[in-house]
Amino acid sequence: MITTDIAIIGAGPVALFSIFEVGLLKMRCHLIDYLPQVGGQLSEIYPKKPIYDIPGFPSVLAQELIDNLVKQAEPFNPTYTLGERIESLEKIGERDFILTTNLGTKISAAAVVIAGGLGCFEPRKPEVENLVQFENGKGVSYMVLDPETYRDKNIVIAGGGDSALDWTIFLANVAKKVTLVHRSESFRGAPDSVNKVMTLAAEGKINLFLNTNLTKVNGEGILKSVMIIDAKTKEEQTIEADNLIPLFGLSPKLGPIEHWGLGIDKNAIEVNTNDYSTNIEGVYAIGDINTYKNKLKLILCGFHEAALMSHSAYKYINPGIKYTMKYTTVNGINKF
């Protein structure tokens, strides 16, 4: 059981800034995110995209902003559970909460903050026969959490974007054999990555199948092989595989949050703008995942929501204890 003052669901920019605001109030945070790294959409979708409306930064790259937020939060020693999704939220007694992930990790928290951006990013799954049977540790994964899992194994990667290209390049030096399957002749990823993949294929260090689709996965309990078909010749082929990694992108969905009894309006969580609390006492929602009158889905608005939420959560966790706000220019940053 992981124990913390505040459990934050999500690890995007608003969640990361919450660590700082909560830390100023001497409370600890534990963040949970389905993605394998912090940063949310900024790191996963557009890390190199410039952002122009962050105060004090005429322009800042998305990943640079995330890196700065992580550094800003470091004095408060946040902890993380990454690559897992919160499945259930249970209130214990009048005040405490137990959160459980899809992998069984349990987090005990005095308050919960939902900062999940547009929701939980779920993988786009290809239409492949038997695919679901080999999920959950049986050979099919939709993201790479630990590259060492694939050492000396036969890996099939499917996709044509940056993630598929990057992991093909990286795992070529880890796995026994890497096969990249792409349904088109051209890639959507960075030209430099495309060139590296083509070079690896030319040198025989990876197998590359273009204009090719996955059709079926096979095995007895665990994955043993993947069937592919050439889109032009219709020729089928079976490839020995210990692991299949389909990388067709992620799509945001509200996910299990939808069933927690929260007030929901058009896939967003309704909040009280006094403190961004939800209809469940002790549960807050900040950032793009919440909704209220005149809501603006901007990172800077999420930062504002995080500050107000933090002071309300302090009062909720410490009833009857008065807090006197002091500016960081006076107090500085008191590390844990």
C-alpha atoms as a PDB file:
ATOM      1  CA  MET A   1       0.000   0.000   0.000  1.00  0.00           C
ATOM      2  CA  ILE A   2       1.358   3.388  -1.029  1.00  0.00           C
ATOM      3  CA  THR A   3       0.396   6.095   1.457  1.00  0.00           C
ATOM      4  CA  THR A   4       0.323   9.795   0.654  1.00  0.00           C
ATOM      5  CA  ASP A   5      -1.450  13.012   1.550  1.00  0.00           C
ATOM      6  CA  ILE A   6      -2.774  13.673  -1.945  1.00  0.00           C
ATOM      7  CA  ALA A   7      -3.088  11.220  -4.816  1.00  0.00           C
ATOM      8  CA  ILE A   8      -3.026  12.945  -8.183  1.00  0.00           C
ATOM      9  CA  ILE A   9      -4.461  11.064 -11.141  1.00  0.00           C
ATOM     10  CA  GLY A  10      -2.500  12.250 -14.153  1.00  0.00           C
ATOM     11  CA  ALA A  11       1.062  13.488 -14.636  1.00  0.00           C
ATOM     12  CA  GLY A  12       0.694  16.278 -17.177  1.00  0.00           C
ATOM     13  CA  PRO A  13       1.737  19.919 -16.658  1.00  0.00           C
ATOM     14  CA  VAL A  14      -1.139  20.836 -14.330  1.00  0.00           C
ATOM     15  CA  ALA A  15      -0.569  17.735 -12.200  1.00  0.00           C
ATOM     16  CA  LEU A  16       3.158  18.475 -11.998  1.00  0.00           C
ATOM     17  CA  PHE A  17       2.577  22.075 -10.932  1.00  0.00           C
ATOM     18  CA  SER A  18       0.191  20.785  -8.256  1.00  0.00           C
ATOM     19  CA  ILE A  19       3.145  19.023  -6.601  1.00  0.00           C
ATOM     20  CA  PHE A  20       4.765  22.417  -6.074  1.00  0.00           C
ATOM     21  CA  GLU A  21       1.623  24.108  -4.755  1.00  0.00           C
ATOM     22  CA  VAL A  22       0.789  21.193  -2.459  1.00  0.00           C
ATOM     23  CA  GLY A  23       4.419  20.997  -1.323  1.00  0.00           C
ATOM     24  CA  LEU A  24       4.388  24.611  -0.192  1.00  0.00           C
ATOM     25  CA  LEU A  25       1.645  23.521   2.233  1.00  0.00           C
ATOM     26  CA  LYS A  26       3.786  20.655   3.598  1.00  0.00           C
ATOM     27  CA  MET A  27       1.751  17.915   1.942  1.00  0.00           C
ATOM     28  CA  ARG A  28       3.108  15.036  -0.112  1.00  0.00           C
ATOM     29  CA  CYS A  29       1.898  13.885  -3.535  1.00  0.00           C
ATOM     30  CA  HIS A  30       1.812  10.583  -5.347  1.00  0.00           C
ATOM     31  CA  LEU A  31       1.024  10.734  -9.088  1.00  0.00           C
ATOM     32  CA  ILE A  32      -0.495   7.952 -11.171  1.00  0.00           C
ATOM     33  CA  ASP A  33      -0.536   7.966 -14.961  1.00  0.00           C
ATOM     34  CA  TYR A  34      -1.286   5.362 -17.622  1.00  0.00           C
ATOM     35  CA  LEU A  35       1.533   6.673 -19.790  1.00  0.00           C
ATOM     36  CA  PRO A  36       5.032   5.307 -19.051  1.00  0.00           C
ATOM     37  CA  GLN A  37       6.500   8.770 -18.429  1.00  0.00           C
ATOM     38  CA  VAL A  38       5.392  12.077 -16.935  1.00  0.00           C
ATOM     39  CA  GLY A  39       4.311  14.938 -19.186  1.00  0.00           C
ATOM     40  CA  GLY A  40       0.907  13.855 -20.477  1.00  0.00           C
ATOM     41  CA  GLN A  41      -0.008  15.123 -23.936  1.00  0.00           C
ATOM     42  CA  LEU A  42       2.968  17.487 -24.020  1.00  0.00           C
ATOM     43  CA  SER A  43       5.499  14.651 -23.844  1.00  0.00           C
ATOM     44  CA  GLU A  44       3.512  12.014 -25.698  1.00  0.00           C
ATOM     45  CA  ILE A  45       2.034  13.978 -28.596  1.00  0.00           C
ATOM     46  CA  TYR A  46       3.941  17.216 -29.216  1.00  0.00           C
ATOM     47  CA  PRO A  47       7.188  17.424 -27.181  1.00  0.00           C
ATOM     48  CA  LYS A  48       8.881  19.664 -29.778  1.00  0.00           C
ATOM     49  CA  LYS A  49       5.917  22.024 -30.245  1.00  0.00           C
ATOM     50  CA  PRO A  50       6.444  25.608 -29.011  1.00  0.00           C
ATOM     51  CA  ILE A  51       3.933  27.021 -26.512  1.00  0.00           C
ATOM     52  CA  TYR A  52       3.467  30.779 -26.433  1.00  0.00           C
ATOM     53  CA  ASP A  53       1.023  31.490 -23.584  1.00  0.00           C
ATOM     54  CA  ILE A  54       2.982  30.393 -20.498  1.00  0.00           C
ATOM     55  CA  PRO A  55       3.660  33.481 -18.336  1.00  0.00           C
ATOM     56  CA  GLY A  56       7.315  34.493 -18.365  1.00  0.00           C
ATOM     57  CA  PHE A  57       8.133  32.404 -21.441  1.00  0.00           C
ATOM     58  CA  PRO A  58       7.694  34.158 -24.800  1.00  0.00           C
ATOM     59  CA  SER A  59       8.121  30.679 -26.236  1.00  0.00           C
ATOM     60  CA  VAL A  60       8.861  27.330 -24.615  1.00  0.00           C
ATOM     61  CA  LEU A  61       8.958  23.840 -26.104  1.00  0.00           C
ATOM     62  CA  ALA A  62       6.394  21.476 -24.606  1.00  0.00           C
ATOM     63  CA  GLN A  63       9.007  19.036 -23.299  1.00  0.00           C
ATOM     64  CA  GLU A  64      11.122  21.883 -21.934  1.00  0.00           C
ATOM     65  CA  LEU A  65       8.113  23.070 -19.937  1.00  0.00           C
ATOM     66  CA  ILE A  66       7.624  19.563 -18.547  1.00  0.00           C
ATOM     67  CA  ASP A  67      11.308  19.280 -17.630  1.00  0.00           C
ATOM     68  CA  ASN A  68      11.135  22.617 -15.797  1.00  0.00           C
ATOM     69  CA  LEU A  69       7.977  21.600 -13.921  1.00  0.00           C
ATOM     70  CA  VAL A  70       9.621  18.345 -12.823  1.00  0.00           C
ATOM     71  CA  LYS A  71      12.659  20.275 -11.584  1.00  0.00           C
ATOM     72  CA  GLN A  72      10.406  22.754  -9.770  1.00  0.00           C
ATOM     73  CA  ALA A  73       8.646  19.859  -8.012  1.00  0.00           C
ATOM     74  CA  GLU A  74      11.826  17.993  -6.994  1.00  0.00           C
ATOM     75  CA  PRO A  75      12.263  19.687  -3.580  1.00  0.00           C
ATOM     76  CA  PHE A  76       8.991  18.091  -2.464  1.00  0.00           C
ATOM     77  CA  ASN A  77       9.997  14.510  -3.309  1.00  0.00           C
ATOM     78  CA  PRO A  78       6.916  13.383  -5.239  1.00  0.00           C
ATOM     79  CA  THR A  79       6.457   9.679  -5.958  1.00  0.00           C
ATOM     80  CA  TYR A  80       4.985   8.111  -9.073  1.00  0.00           C
ATOM     81  CA  THR A  81       3.159   5.065 -10.371  1.00  0.00           C
ATOM     82  CA  LEU A  82       3.514   5.137 -14.169  1.00  0.00           C
ATOM     83  CA  GLY A  83       2.166   2.797 -16.839  1.00  0.00           C
ATOM     84  CA  GLU A  84      -0.873   1.999 -14.698  1.00  0.00           C
ATOM     85  CA  ARG A  85      -4.460   3.222 -14.776  1.00  0.00           C
ATOM     86  CA  ILE A  86      -6.661   3.891 -11.763  1.00  0.00           C
ATOM     87  CA  GLU A  87      -9.604   1.493 -12.001  1.00  0.00           C
ATOM     88  CA  SER A  88     -11.445   2.191  -8.766  1.00  0.00           C
ATOM     89  CA  LEU A  89     -11.843   4.912  -6.157  1.00  0.00           C
ATOM     90  CA  GLU A  90     -13.212   3.926  -2.758  1.00  0.00           C
ATOM     91  CA  LYS A  91     -13.892   6.230   0.167  1.00  0.00           C
ATOM     92  CA  ILE A  92     -12.972   4.666   3.507  1.00  0.00           C
ATOM     93  CA  GLY A  93     -14.925   6.110   6.422  1.00  0.00           C
ATOM     94  CA  GLU A  94     -15.607   9.824   6.237  1.00  0.00           C
ATOM     95  CA  ARG A  95     -12.262  11.064   4.947  1.00  0.00           C
ATOM     96  CA  ASP A  96      -9.734   8.638   3.458  1.00  0.00           C
ATOM     97  CA  PHE A  97      -9.579   7.097  -0.019  1.00  0.00           C
ATOM     98  CA  ILE A  98      -8.191   3.904  -1.521  1.00  0.00           C
ATOM     99  CA  LEU A  99      -7.312   3.916  -5.218  1.00  0.00           C
ATOM    100  CA  THR A 100      -6.576   0.688  -7.098  1.00  0.00           C
ATOM    101  CA  THR A 101      -4.846   0.427 -10.472  1.00  0.00           C
ATOM    102  CA  ASN A 102      -5.344  -2.063 -13.286  1.00  0.00           C
ATOM    103  CA  LEU A 103      -2.225  -3.907 -12.076  1.00  0.00           C
ATOM    104  CA  GLY A 104      -3.425  -4.091  -8.489  1.00  0.00           C
ATOM    105  CA  THR A 105      -1.342  -1.268  -6.999  1.00  0.00           C
ATOM    106  CA  LYS A 106      -3.168   0.377  -4.094  1.00  0.00           C
ATOM    107  CA  ILE A 107      -2.743   3.971  -2.968  1.00  0.00           C
ATOM    108  CA  SER A 108      -4.106   5.336   0.297  1.00  0.00           C
ATOM    109  CA  ALA A 109      -4.690   9.087   0.255  1.00  0.00           C
ATOM    110  CA  ALA A 110      -6.353  11.725   2.388  1.00  0.00           C
ATOM    111  CA  ALA A 111      -7.515  13.595  -0.732  1.00  0.00           C
ATOM    112  CA  VAL A 112      -7.683  12.868  -4.447  1.00  0.00           C
ATOM    113  CA  VAL A 113      -7.019  15.228  -7.355  1.00  0.00           C
ATOM    114  CA  ILE A 114      -8.058  14.250 -10.872  1.00  0.00           C
ATOM    115  CA  ALA A 115      -5.766  16.056 -13.304  1.00  0.00           C
ATOM    116  CA  GLY A 116      -6.091  13.698 -16.225  1.00  0.00           C
ATOM    117  CA  GLY A 117      -6.150  16.211 -19.057  1.00  0.00           C
ATOM    118  CA  LEU A 118      -8.560  14.955 -21.701  1.00  0.00           C
ATOM    119  CA  GLY A 119      -8.884  11.672 -19.843  1.00  0.00           C
ATOM    120  CA  CYS A 120      -7.020   8.393 -19.798  1.00  0.00           C
ATOM    121  CA  PHE A 121      -5.041   7.796 -22.971  1.00  0.00           C
ATOM    122  CA  GLU A 122      -5.969   4.354 -24.232  1.00  0.00           C
ATOM    123  CA  PRO A 123      -4.144   2.580 -27.060  1.00  0.00           C
ATOM    124  CA  ARG A 124      -5.675   2.368 -30.515  1.00  0.00           C
ATOM    125  CA  LYS A 125      -5.811  -1.362 -31.142  1.00  0.00           C
ATOM    126  CA  PRO A 126      -5.575  -2.894 -34.608  1.00  0.00           C
ATOM    127  CA  GLU A 127      -8.239  -5.336 -35.714  1.00  0.00           C
ATOM    128  CA  VAL A 128      -6.238  -8.517 -35.280  1.00  0.00           C
ATOM    129  CA  GLU A 129      -7.669 -11.949 -34.563  1.00  0.00           C
ATOM    130  CA  ASN A 130      -6.983 -13.235 -31.018  1.00  0.00           C
ATOM    131  CA  LEU A 131      -5.224  -9.994 -30.012  1.00  0.00           C
ATOM    132  CA  VAL A 132      -7.010  -9.521 -26.680  1.00  0.00           C
ATOM    133  CA  GLN A 133      -6.173 -13.065 -25.581  1.00  0.00           C
ATOM    134  CA  PHE A 134      -2.481 -12.186 -25.365  1.00  0.00           C
ATOM    135  CA  GLU A 135      -2.703  -8.905 -23.456  1.00  0.00           C
ATOM    136  CA  ASN A 136      -1.789  -8.446 -19.771  1.00  0.00           C
ATOM    137  CA  GLY A 137       1.638 -10.011 -19.752  1.00  0.00           C
ATOM    138  CA  LYS A 138       1.018 -12.749 -22.326  1.00  0.00           C
ATOM    139  CA  GLY A 139       2.946 -11.143 -25.160  1.00  0.00           C
ATOM    140  CA  VAL A 140       0.973  -8.157 -26.468  1.00  0.00           C
ATOM    141  CA  SER A 141       1.784  -4.684 -25.110  1.00  0.00           C
ATOM    142  CA  TYR A 142       0.765  -1.251 -26.359  1.00  0.00           C
ATOM    143  CA  MET A 143       3.629   0.701 -24.805  1.00  0.00           C
ATOM    144  CA  VAL A 144       7.192  -0.024 -23.757  1.00  0.00           C
ATOM    145  CA  LEU A 145       7.563   0.312 -19.996  1.00  0.00           C
ATOM    146  CA  ASP A 146      10.882  -1.494 -19.502  1.00  0.00           C
ATOM    147  CA  PRO A 147      13.088  -2.180 -22.554  1.00  0.00           C
ATOM    148  CA  GLU A 148      14.923  -4.925 -20.653  1.00  0.00           C
ATOM    149  CA  THR A 149      11.731  -6.998 -20.847  1.00  0.00           C
ATOM    150  CA  TYR A 150      12.562  -7.566 -24.506  1.00  0.00           C
ATOM    151  CA  ARG A 151      16.217  -8.512 -24.200  1.00  0.00           C
ATOM    152  CA  ASP A 152      17.167 -11.479 -26.397  1.00  0.00           C
ATOM    153  CA  LYS A 153      13.591 -11.968 -27.566  1.00  0.00           C
ATOM    154  CA  ASN A 154      11.897 -11.921 -30.958  1.00  0.00           C
ATOM    155  CA  ILE A 155       9.922  -8.676 -31.154  1.00  0.00           C
ATOM    156  CA  VAL A 156       7.352  -7.536 -33.704  1.00  0.00           C
ATOM    157  CA  ILE A 157       6.546  -3.812 -33.715  1.00  0.00           C
ATOM    158  CA  ALA A 158       3.613  -2.518 -35.762  1.00  0.00           C
ATOM    159  CA  GLY A 159       3.147   1.137 -36.716  1.00  0.00           C
ATOM    160  CA  GLY A 160       4.593   3.978 -38.755  1.00  0.00           C
ATOM    161  CA  GLY A 161       4.870   6.926 -36.385  1.00  0.00           C
ATOM    162  CA  ASP A 162       7.671   8.250 -34.199  1.00  0.00           C
ATOM    163  CA  SER A 163       7.059   5.758 -31.388  1.00  0.00           C
ATOM    164  CA  ALA A 164       7.276   2.749 -33.713  1.00  0.00           C
ATOM    165  CA  LEU A 165      10.421   4.085 -35.361  1.00  0.00           C
ATOM    166  CA  ASP A 166      12.134   5.115 -32.121  1.00  0.00           C
ATOM    167  CA  TRP A 167      11.497   1.801 -30.377  1.00  0.00           C
ATOM    168  CA  THR A 168      12.573  -0.159 -33.449  1.00  0.00           C
ATOM    169  CA  ILE A 169      15.889   1.697 -33.412  1.00  0.00           C
ATOM    170  CA  PHE A 170      16.367   1.291 -29.659  1.00  0.00           C
ATOM    171  CA  LEU A 171      15.303  -2.357 -29.361  1.00  0.00           C
ATOM    172  CA  ALA A 172      17.462  -3.382 -32.319  1.00  0.00           C
ATOM    173  CA  ASN A 173      20.327  -3.328 -29.803  1.00  0.00           C
ATOM    174  CA  VAL A 174      18.367  -5.144 -27.108  1.00  0.00           C
ATOM    175  CA  ALA A 175      16.166  -7.811 -28.677  1.00  0.00           C
ATOM    176  CA  LYS A 176      17.296 -10.974 -30.443  1.00  0.00           C
ATOM    177  CA  LYS A 177      15.423  -9.856 -33.542  1.00  0.00           C
ATOM    178  CA  VAL A 178      13.151  -6.886 -34.274  1.00  0.00           C
ATOM    179  CA  THR A 179      10.554  -6.943 -37.042  1.00  0.00           C
ATOM    180  CA  LEU A 180       8.785  -3.708 -38.007  1.00  0.00           C
ATOM    181  CA  VAL A 181       5.451  -4.053 -39.805  1.00  0.00           C
ATOM    182  CA  HIS A 182       3.884  -0.988 -41.435  1.00  0.00           C
ATOM    183  CA  ARG A 183       0.727  -0.841 -43.518  1.00  0.00           C
ATOM    184  CA  SER A 184       2.091   1.862 -45.866  1.00  0.00           C
ATOM    185  CA  GLU A 185       5.227   2.531 -47.893  1.00  0.00           C
ATOM    186  CA  SER A 186       5.884   5.867 -46.175  1.00  0.00           C
ATOM    187  CA  PHE A 187       6.321   6.708 -42.503  1.00  0.00           C
ATOM    188  CA  ARG A 188       4.799   9.529 -40.461  1.00  0.00           C
ATOM    189  CA  GLY A 189       7.816   9.911 -38.196  1.00  0.00           C
ATOM    190  CA  ALA A 190      10.876  12.142 -38.245  1.00  0.00           C
ATOM    191  CA  PRO A 191      12.969  11.799 -41.437  1.00  0.00           C
ATOM    192  CA  ASP A 192      16.125  11.084 -39.432  1.00  0.00           C
ATOM    193  CA  SER A 193      14.399   8.179 -37.667  1.00  0.00           C
ATOM    194  CA  VAL A 194      13.098   6.860 -40.988  1.00  0.00           C
ATOM    195  CA  ASN A 195      16.625   6.916 -42.410  1.00  0.00           C
ATOM    196  CA  LYS A 196      17.985   5.033 -39.401  1.00  0.00           C
ATOM    197  CA  VAL A 197      15.315   2.333 -39.708  1.00  0.00           C
ATOM    198  CA  MET A 198      15.937   1.925 -43.430  1.00  0.00           C
ATOM    199  CA  THR A 199      19.667   1.610 -42.754  1.00  0.00           C
ATOM    200  CA  LEU A 200      19.082  -1.036 -40.079  1.00  0.00           C
ATOM    201  CA  ALA A 201      16.918  -2.974 -42.543  1.00  0.00           C
ATOM    202  CA  ALA A 202      19.494  -2.681 -45.326  1.00  0.00           C
ATOM    203  CA  GLU A 203      22.190  -3.973 -42.959  1.00  0.00           C
ATOM    204  CA  GLY A 204      20.011  -6.918 -41.926  1.00  0.00           C
ATOM    205  CA  LYS A 205      19.781  -5.782 -38.320  1.00  0.00           C
ATOM    206  CA  ILE A 206      15.969  -5.661 -38.409  1.00  0.00           C
ATOM    207  CA  ASN A 207      13.255  -7.155 -40.587  1.00  0.00           C
ATOM    208  CA  LEU A 208      11.089  -4.562 -42.315  1.00  0.00           C
ATOM    209  CA  PHE A 209       7.719  -5.256 -43.945  1.00  0.00           C
ATOM    210  CA  LEU A 210       6.026  -2.345 -45.727  1.00  0.00           C
ATOM    211  CA  ASN A 211       2.519  -2.378 -47.259  1.00  0.00           C
ATOM    212  CA  THR A 212       1.837  -5.142 -44.769  1.00  0.00           C
ATOM    213  CA  ASN A 213      -0.930  -5.690 -42.215  1.00  0.00           C
ATOM    214  CA  LEU A 214      -1.209  -7.810 -39.102  1.00  0.00           C
ATOM    215  CA  THR A 215      -3.930 -10.443 -39.390  1.00  0.00           C
ATOM    216  CA  LYS A 216      -3.666 -12.863 -36.491  1.00  0.00           C
ATOM    217  CA  VAL A 217      -1.670 -13.742 -33.381  1.00  0.00           C
ATOM    218  CA  ASN A 218      -1.146 -17.298 -32.184  1.00  0.00           C
ATOM    219  CA  GLY A 219       0.093 -19.192 -29.193  1.00  0.00           C
ATOM    220  CA  GLU A 220      -0.903 -21.452 -26.310  1.00  0.00           C
ATOM    221  CA  GLY A 221      -1.357 -19.229 -23.271  1.00  0.00           C
ATOM    222  CA  ILE A 222       1.473 -16.949 -24.359  1.00  0.00           C
ATOM    223  CA  LEU A 223       2.291 -15.417 -27.739  1.00  0.00           C
ATOM    224  CA  LYS A 224       4.306 -17.574 -30.141  1.00  0.00           C
ATOM    225  CA  SER A 225       3.766 -16.088 -33.593  1.00  0.00           C
ATOM    226  CA  VAL A 226       2.237 -13.269 -35.618  1.00  0.00           C
ATOM    227  CA  MET A 227       0.615 -13.614 -39.031  1.00  0.00           C
ATOM    228  CA  ILE A 228       0.994 -10.823 -41.600  1.00  0.00           C
ATOM    229  CA  ILE A 229      -0.330 -10.264 -45.116  1.00  0.00           C
ATOM    230  CA  ASP A 230       1.150  -8.261 -47.973  1.00  0.00           C
ATOM    231  CA  ALA A 231      -1.440  -5.673 -49.026  1.00  0.00           C
ATOM    232  CA  LYS A 232      -0.481  -5.968 -52.725  1.00  0.00           C
ATOM    233  CA  THR A 233       0.299  -9.636 -53.312  1.00  0.00           C
ATOM    234  CA  LYS A 234      -2.013 -10.954 -50.559  1.00  0.00           C
ATOM    235  CA  GLU A 235       0.777 -13.325 -49.599  1.00  0.00           C
ATOM    236  CA  GLU A 236       0.571 -14.435 -45.946  1.00  0.00           C
ATOM    237  CA  GLN A 237       3.519 -15.117 -43.686  1.00  0.00           C
ATOM    238  CA  THR A 238       3.983 -16.296 -40.118  1.00  0.00           C
ATOM    239  CA  ILE A 239       6.655 -14.636 -37.968  1.00  0.00           C
ATOM    240  CA  GLU A 240       7.976 -16.146 -34.755  1.00  0.00           C
ATOM    241  CA  ALA A 241       7.341 -13.649 -31.949  1.00  0.00           C
ATOM    242  CA  ASP A 242       7.732 -13.547 -28.195  1.00  0.00           C
ATOM    243  CA  ASN A 243       6.215 -10.051 -28.068  1.00  0.00           C
ATOM    244  CA  LEU A 244       4.010  -7.896 -30.271  1.00  0.00           C
ATOM    245  CA  ILE A 245       3.990  -4.129 -29.725  1.00  0.00           C
ATOM    246  CA  PRO A 246       1.273  -2.379 -31.780  1.00  0.00           C
ATOM    247  CA  LEU A 247       1.992   1.364 -31.719  1.00  0.00           C
ATOM    248  CA  PHE A 248      -0.945   3.028 -33.467  1.00  0.00           C
ATOM    249  CA  GLY A 249      -1.245   6.006 -31.162  1.00  0.00           C
ATOM    250  CA  LEU A 250      -3.398   6.817 -28.160  1.00  0.00           C
ATOM    251  CA  SER A 251      -6.921   8.177 -27.854  1.00  0.00           C
ATOM    252  CA  PRO A 252      -8.236  10.041 -24.773  1.00  0.00           C
ATOM    253  CA  LYS A 253     -11.214   8.574 -22.947  1.00  0.00           C
ATOM    254  CA  LEU A 254     -12.726   9.306 -19.549  1.00  0.00           C
ATOM    255  CA  GLY A 255     -12.312   5.619 -18.726  1.00  0.00           C
ATOM    256  CA  PRO A 256     -13.178   4.218 -15.280  1.00  0.00           C
ATOM    257  CA  ILE A 257     -13.594   7.756 -13.877  1.00  0.00           C
ATOM    258  CA  GLU A 258     -17.003   7.804 -15.560  1.00  0.00           C
ATOM    259  CA  HIS A 259     -18.279   5.231 -13.044  1.00  0.00           C
ATOM    260  CA  TRP A 260     -17.118   6.829  -9.784  1.00  0.00           C
ATOM    261  CA  GLY A 261     -20.293   8.783  -9.059  1.00  0.00           C
ATOM    262  CA  LEU A 262     -18.877  12.147 -10.070  1.00  0.00           C
ATOM    263  CA  GLY A 263     -20.952  14.833 -11.762  1.00  0.00           C
ATOM    264  CA  ILE A 264     -20.196  14.433 -15.478  1.00  0.00           C
ATOM    265  CA  ASP A 265     -21.127  16.799 -18.288  1.00  0.00           C
ATOM    266  CA  LYS A 266     -20.049  15.901 -21.846  1.00  0.00           C
ATOM    267  CA  ASN A 267     -17.086  13.752 -20.749  1.00  0.00           C
ATOM    268  CA  ALA A 268     -15.833  16.374 -18.279  1.00  0.00           C
ATOM    269  CA  ILE A 269     -16.100  16.544 -14.485  1.00  0.00           C
ATOM    270  CA  GLU A 270     -18.281  19.266 -13.006  1.00  0.00           C
ATOM    271  CA  VAL A 271     -16.556  21.325 -10.285  1.00  0.00           C
ATOM    272  CA  ASN A 272     -17.190  24.158  -7.855  1.00  0.00           C
ATOM    273  CA  THR A 273     -15.046  27.095  -8.992  1.00  0.00           C
ATOM    274  CA  ASN A 274     -14.476  28.206  -5.391  1.00  0.00           C
ATOM    275  CA  ASP A 275     -11.877  25.450  -5.041  1.00  0.00           C
ATOM    276  CA  TYR A 276     -12.402  23.039  -7.971  1.00  0.00           C
ATOM    277  CA  SER A 277     -13.932  20.416  -5.716  1.00  0.00           C
ATOM    278  CA  THR A 278     -16.292  17.801  -7.132  1.00  0.00           C
ATOM    279  CA  ASN A 279     -19.573  16.509  -5.740  1.00  0.00           C
ATOM    280  CA  ILE A 280     -17.543  13.967  -3.708  1.00  0.00           C
ATOM    281  CA  GLU A 281     -15.983  15.675  -0.689  1.00  0.00           C
ATOM    282  CA  GLY A 282     -12.207  15.346  -0.754  1.00  0.00           C
ATOM    283  CA  VAL A 283     -12.054  14.788  -4.525  1.00  0.00           C
ATOM    284  CA  TYR A 284     -10.962  17.631  -6.817  1.00  0.00           C
ATOM    285  CA  ALA A 285     -10.663  17.982 -10.593  1.00  0.00           C
ATOM    286  CA  ILE A 286      -8.320  20.449 -12.275  1.00  0.00           C
ATOM    287  CA  GLY A 287      -7.117  21.104 -15.802  1.00  0.00           C
ATOM    288  CA  ASP A 288      -8.779  20.066 -19.043  1.00  0.00           C
ATOM    289  CA  ILE A 289     -10.721  17.236 -17.418  1.00  0.00           C
ATOM    290  CA  ASN A 290     -13.048  19.580 -15.509  1.00  0.00           C
ATOM    291  CA  THR A 291     -15.852  21.821 -16.692  1.00  0.00           C
ATOM    292  CA  TYR A 292     -17.576  24.961 -15.438  1.00  0.00           C
ATOM    293  CA  LYS A 293     -19.068  28.135 -16.851  1.00  0.00           C
ATOM    294  CA  ASN A 294     -16.610  30.042 -19.064  1.00  0.00           C
ATOM    295  CA  LYS A 295     -14.057  27.222 -18.826  1.00  0.00           C
ATOM    296  CA  LEU A 296     -10.914  27.772 -20.886  1.00  0.00           C
ATOM    297  CA  LYS A 297      -8.792  24.721 -21.648  1.00  0.00           C
ATOM    298  CA  LEU A 298      -5.444  26.421 -21.178  1.00  0.00           C
ATOM    299  CA  ILE A 299      -2.433  25.211 -19.201  1.00  0.00           C
ATOM    300  CA  LEU A 300      -2.192  28.555 -17.377  1.00  0.00           C
ATOM    301  CA  CYS A 301      -5.836  28.201 -16.243  1.00  0.00           C
ATOM    302  CA  GLY A 302      -4.974  24.758 -14.904  1.00  0.00           C
ATOM    303  CA  PHE A 303      -2.119  26.269 -12.900  1.00  0.00           C
ATOM    304  CA  HIS A 304      -4.583  28.703 -11.297  1.00  0.00           C
ATOM    305  CA  GLU A 305      -6.952  25.838 -10.493  1.00  0.00           C
ATOM    306  CA  ALA A 306      -4.081  23.879  -8.929  1.00  0.00           C
ATOM    307  CA  ALA A 307      -3.253  26.728  -6.539  1.00  0.00           C
ATOM    308  CA  LEU A 308      -6.834  27.127  -5.289  1.00  0.00           C
ATOM    309  CA  MET A 309      -7.307  23.359  -5.052  1.00  0.00           C
ATOM    310  CA  SER A 310      -4.180  23.000  -2.905  1.00  0.00           C
ATOM    311  CA  HIS A 311      -5.380  25.411  -0.234  1.00  0.00           C
ATOM    312  CA  SER A 312      -8.809  23.794  -0.125  1.00  0.00           C
ATOM    313  CA  ALA A 313      -7.257  20.317   0.150  1.00  0.00           C
ATOM    314  CA  TYR A 314      -5.087  21.541   3.037  1.00  0.00           C
ATOM    315  CA  LYS A 315      -8.193  22.646   4.935  1.00  0.00           C
ATOM    316  CA  TYR A 316      -9.928  19.355   4.138  1.00  0.00           C
ATOM    317  CA  ILE A 317      -6.992  17.254   5.359  1.00  0.00           C
ATOM    318  CA  ASN A 318      -6.277  19.505   8.388  1.00  0.00           C
ATOM    319  CA  PRO A 319      -9.678  20.583   9.713  1.00  0.00           C
ATOM    320  CA  GLY A 320      -9.518  23.334  12.304  1.00  0.00           C
ATOM    321  CA  ILE A 321      -5.863  24.174  11.621  1.00  0.00           C
ATOM    322  CA  LYS A 322      -5.411  27.713  10.395  1.00  0.00           C
ATOM    323  CA  TYR A 323      -2.877  28.290   7.646  1.00  0.00           C
ATOM    324  CA  THR A 324      -1.300  31.698   7.139  1.00  0.00           C
ATOM    325  CA  MET A 325      -0.189  32.134   3.556  1.00  0.00           C
ATOM    326  CA  LYS A 326       3.331  33.476   3.045  1.00  0.00           C
ATOM    327  CA  TYR A 327       4.885  34.292  -0.297  1.00  0.00           C
ATOM    328  CA  THR A 328       7.810  32.282  -1.625  1.00  0.00           C
ATOM    329  CA  THR A 329       9.702  35.554  -1.933  1.00  0.00           C
ATOM    330  CA  VAL A 330       9.582  35.706   1.884  1.00  0.00           C
ATOM    331  CA  ASN A 331       9.754  32.044   2.925  1.00  0.00           C
ATOM    332  CA  GLY A 332      11.605  30.564   0.002  1.00  0.00           C
ATOM    333  CA  ILE A 333      11.177  26.836  -0.653  1.00  0.00           C
ATOM    334  CA  ASN A 334      11.328  24.582   2.387  1.00  0.00           C
ATOM    335  CA  LYS A 335      12.372  21.140   1.148  1.00  0.00           C
ATOM    336  CA  PHE A 336      11.003  17.951   2.634  1.00  0.00           C
END
